[in-house]
Amino acid sequence: MGAFVISKRYNDEYKFVFTSRKGKVVFTSLSYELKFECEEDIEKFKATIESADFLKFKSSGGKFYFKLILGGNHFATSRKYTTALRLQKGIDEIVRYGSMSETLDFSASDFVFID
């Protein structure tokens, strides 16, 4: 099962990524000024995942990616995939596990493992 991981960007805004069961990033959200906005959007996504649209694209370099559209608005952008089949597997993983995935918060930048 995947997980939503909240973290901070270099400009101190928040973001989250959805990671696969193997720990690879599947998609990255837009930026959020406040952490609770990030958490609310994760919960909104989990509740309405069946209505999400996946717009598929091919980059000029030949890589495949998708934009996740929720409620008519751009919600997140996927990582780049080498084949259309891998892209579809990423989408399938979101649809299958997204609603029951846990949320992890690494935005405090505290070290979890101390020497």
C-alpha atoms as a PDB file:
ATOM      1  CA  MET A   1       0.000   0.000   0.000  1.00  0.00           C
ATOM      2  CA  GLY A   2       1.260   3.503  -0.804  1.00  0.00           C
ATOM      3  CA  ALA A   3       1.545   6.530   1.454  1.00  0.00           C
ATOM      4  CA  PHE A   4       1.081  10.275   1.299  1.00  0.00           C
ATOM      5  CA  VAL A   5       4.226  12.004   2.559  1.00  0.00           C
ATOM      6  CA  ILE A   6       4.043  15.666   3.590  1.00  0.00           C
ATOM      7  CA  SER A   7       7.258  17.699   3.459  1.00  0.00           C
ATOM      8  CA  LYS A   8       8.493  21.235   2.957  1.00  0.00           C
ATOM      9  CA  ARG A   9       9.898  22.737  -0.214  1.00  0.00           C
ATOM     10  CA  TYR A  10      12.979  24.972  -0.155  1.00  0.00           C
ATOM     11  CA  ASN A  11      10.744  28.075  -0.143  1.00  0.00           C
ATOM     12  CA  ASP A  12       9.044  26.870   3.109  1.00  0.00           C
ATOM     13  CA  GLU A  13       5.804  25.929   1.371  1.00  0.00           C
ATOM     14  CA  TYR A  14       4.300  22.492   1.926  1.00  0.00           C
ATOM     15  CA  LYS A  15       3.775  19.694  -0.568  1.00  0.00           C
ATOM     16  CA  PHE A  16       2.936  16.034  -0.504  1.00  0.00           C
ATOM     17  CA  VAL A  17       3.911  13.102  -2.636  1.00  0.00           C
ATOM     18  CA  PHE A  18       2.150   9.802  -3.099  1.00  0.00           C
ATOM     19  CA  THR A  19       4.633   6.954  -2.906  1.00  0.00           C
ATOM     20  CA  SER A  20       4.112   3.451  -4.218  1.00  0.00           C
ATOM     21  CA  ARG A  21       4.341   0.266  -2.183  1.00  0.00           C
ATOM     22  CA  LYS A  22       7.990   0.084  -3.217  1.00  0.00           C
ATOM     23  CA  GLY A  23       8.712   3.643  -2.025  1.00  0.00           C
ATOM     24  CA  LYS A  24       8.892   5.364  -5.429  1.00  0.00           C
ATOM     25  CA  VAL A  25       7.225   8.731  -5.905  1.00  0.00           C
ATOM     26  CA  VAL A  26       4.144   8.391  -8.112  1.00  0.00           C
ATOM     27  CA  PHE A  27       2.976  12.021  -8.070  1.00  0.00           C
ATOM     28  CA  THR A  28       3.785  15.340  -6.416  1.00  0.00           C
ATOM     29  CA  SER A  29       1.186  17.880  -5.345  1.00  0.00           C
ATOM     30  CA  LEU A  30       1.119  21.598  -5.933  1.00  0.00           C
ATOM     31  CA  SER A  31       2.518  23.920  -3.239  1.00  0.00           C
ATOM     32  CA  TYR A  32       0.567  24.907  -0.143  1.00  0.00           C
ATOM     33  CA  GLU A  33       1.235  27.884   2.096  1.00  0.00           C
ATOM     34  CA  LEU A  34      -0.152  26.164   5.208  1.00  0.00           C
ATOM     35  CA  LYS A  35       0.198  22.549   6.305  1.00  0.00           C
ATOM     36  CA  PHE A  36      -3.492  22.096   7.168  1.00  0.00           C
ATOM     37  CA  GLU A  37      -4.392  22.948   3.537  1.00  0.00           C
ATOM     38  CA  CYS A  38      -2.131  20.117   2.453  1.00  0.00           C
ATOM     39  CA  GLU A  39      -3.753  17.708   4.919  1.00  0.00           C
ATOM     40  CA  GLU A  40      -7.265  18.771   3.856  1.00  0.00           C
ATOM     41  CA  ASP A  41      -6.487  18.166   0.180  1.00  0.00           C
ATOM     42  CA  ILE A  42      -5.153  14.685   0.954  1.00  0.00           C
ATOM     43  CA  GLU A  43      -8.375  13.815   2.768  1.00  0.00           C
ATOM     44  CA  LYS A  44     -10.475  15.356  -0.014  1.00  0.00           C
ATOM     45  CA  PHE A  45      -8.562  13.297  -2.574  1.00  0.00           C
ATOM     46  CA  LYS A  46      -9.039  10.077  -0.593  1.00  0.00           C
ATOM     47  CA  ALA A  47     -12.785  10.707  -0.370  1.00  0.00           C
ATOM     48  CA  THR A  48     -13.272  11.571  -4.054  1.00  0.00           C
ATOM     49  CA  ILE A  49     -10.640   9.410  -5.756  1.00  0.00           C
ATOM     50  CA  GLU A  50     -13.236   7.794  -8.041  1.00  0.00           C
ATOM     51  CA  SER A  51     -13.984  11.148  -9.667  1.00  0.00           C
ATOM     52  CA  ALA A  52     -10.315  11.959 -10.367  1.00  0.00           C
ATOM     53  CA  ASP A  53      -9.218  12.368 -13.977  1.00  0.00           C
ATOM     54  CA  PHE A  54      -5.781  11.444 -15.276  1.00  0.00           C
ATOM     55  CA  LEU A  55      -4.620  13.408 -18.305  1.00  0.00           C
ATOM     56  CA  LYS A  56      -1.761  11.551 -19.995  1.00  0.00           C
ATOM     57  CA  PHE A  57       1.081  13.356 -21.755  1.00  0.00           C
ATOM     58  CA  LYS A  58       4.340  12.558 -23.524  1.00  0.00           C
ATOM     59  CA  SER A  59       7.257  14.933 -22.992  1.00  0.00           C
ATOM     60  CA  SER A  60       9.524  16.144 -25.768  1.00  0.00           C
ATOM     61  CA  GLY A  61      12.149  13.739 -24.423  1.00  0.00           C
ATOM     62  CA  GLY A  62       9.842  10.765 -24.980  1.00  0.00           C
ATOM     63  CA  LYS A  63       8.899  10.226 -21.322  1.00  0.00           C
ATOM     64  CA  PHE A  64       5.310   9.686 -20.177  1.00  0.00           C
ATOM     65  CA  TYR A  65       3.574  11.496 -17.321  1.00  0.00           C
ATOM     66  CA  PHE A  66       0.110  12.466 -16.166  1.00  0.00           C
ATOM     67  CA  LYS A  67      -1.624  15.392 -14.549  1.00  0.00           C
ATOM     68  CA  LEU A  68      -4.133  14.537 -11.872  1.00  0.00           C
ATOM     69  CA  ILE A  69      -7.317  16.597 -12.155  1.00  0.00           C
ATOM     70  CA  LEU A  70      -9.722  16.719  -9.217  1.00  0.00           C
ATOM     71  CA  GLY A  71     -12.935  18.716  -9.347  1.00  0.00           C
ATOM     72  CA  GLY A  72     -11.858  20.342 -12.616  1.00  0.00           C
ATOM     73  CA  ASN A  73      -8.629  21.699 -11.090  1.00  0.00           C
ATOM     74  CA  HIS A  74      -5.025  20.600 -11.526  1.00  0.00           C
ATOM     75  CA  PHE A  75      -4.165  18.709  -8.342  1.00  0.00           C
ATOM     76  CA  ALA A  76      -0.804  17.008  -8.927  1.00  0.00           C
ATOM     77  CA  THR A  77       1.752  15.959 -11.548  1.00  0.00           C
ATOM     78  CA  SER A  78       3.311  12.516 -11.826  1.00  0.00           C
ATOM     79  CA  ARG A  79       6.919  11.558 -12.137  1.00  0.00           C
ATOM     80  CA  LYS A  80       8.232  10.697 -15.608  1.00  0.00           C
ATOM     81  CA  TYR A  81       7.824   7.109 -16.808  1.00  0.00           C
ATOM     82  CA  THR A  82       9.783   5.344 -19.547  1.00  0.00           C
ATOM     83  CA  THR A  83       6.784   3.530 -21.047  1.00  0.00           C
ATOM     84  CA  ALA A  84       3.029   4.018 -21.324  1.00  0.00           C
ATOM     85  CA  LEU A  85       2.543   0.677 -19.528  1.00  0.00           C
ATOM     86  CA  ARG A  86       4.475   1.882 -16.461  1.00  0.00           C
ATOM     87  CA  LEU A  87       2.464   5.097 -16.518  1.00  0.00           C
ATOM     88  CA  GLN A  88      -0.761   3.068 -16.445  1.00  0.00           C
ATOM     89  CA  LYS A  89       0.563   0.924 -13.590  1.00  0.00           C
ATOM     90  CA  GLY A  90       1.219   4.120 -11.589  1.00  0.00           C
ATOM     91  CA  ILE A  91      -2.354   5.280 -12.194  1.00  0.00           C
ATOM     92  CA  ASP A  92      -3.697   1.840 -11.262  1.00  0.00           C
ATOM     93  CA  GLU A  93      -1.782   1.930  -7.976  1.00  0.00           C
ATOM     94  CA  ILE A  94      -3.290   5.310  -7.088  1.00  0.00           C
ATOM     95  CA  VAL A  95      -6.809   4.113  -7.852  1.00  0.00           C
ATOM     96  CA  ARG A  96      -6.314   0.839  -5.965  1.00  0.00           C
ATOM     97  CA  TYR A  97      -4.539   2.082  -2.826  1.00  0.00           C
ATOM     98  CA  GLY A  98      -5.043   5.864  -2.660  1.00  0.00           C
ATOM     99  CA  SER A  99      -8.181   5.895  -0.530  1.00  0.00           C
ATOM    100  CA  MET A 100      -6.691   3.666   2.183  1.00  0.00           C
ATOM    101  CA  SER A 101      -3.129   4.992   2.233  1.00  0.00           C
ATOM    102  CA  GLU A 102      -1.719   6.506   5.392  1.00  0.00           C
ATOM    103  CA  THR A 103      -0.366  10.038   5.701  1.00  0.00           C
ATOM    104  CA  LEU A 104       3.179  10.600   6.970  1.00  0.00           C
ATOM    105  CA  ASP A 105       4.354  14.061   8.045  1.00  0.00           C
ATOM    106  CA  PHE A 106       8.046  14.872   7.550  1.00  0.00           C
ATOM    107  CA  SER A 107       7.561  18.633   7.364  1.00  0.00           C
ATOM    108  CA  ALA A 108       9.048  19.420  10.797  1.00  0.00           C
ATOM    109  CA  SER A 109      12.571  18.661   9.473  1.00  0.00           C
ATOM    110  CA  ASP A 110      13.477  16.982  12.721  1.00  0.00           C
ATOM    111  CA  PHE A 111      15.899  14.136  12.367  1.00  0.00           C
ATOM    112  CA  VAL A 112      14.138  10.856  13.028  1.00  0.00           C
ATOM    113  CA  PHE A 113      17.329   8.867  13.383  1.00  0.00           C
ATOM    114  CA  ILE A 114      19.830  10.581  15.649  1.00  0.00           C
ATOM    115  CA  ASP A 115      23.481   9.430  15.719  1.00  0.00           C
END
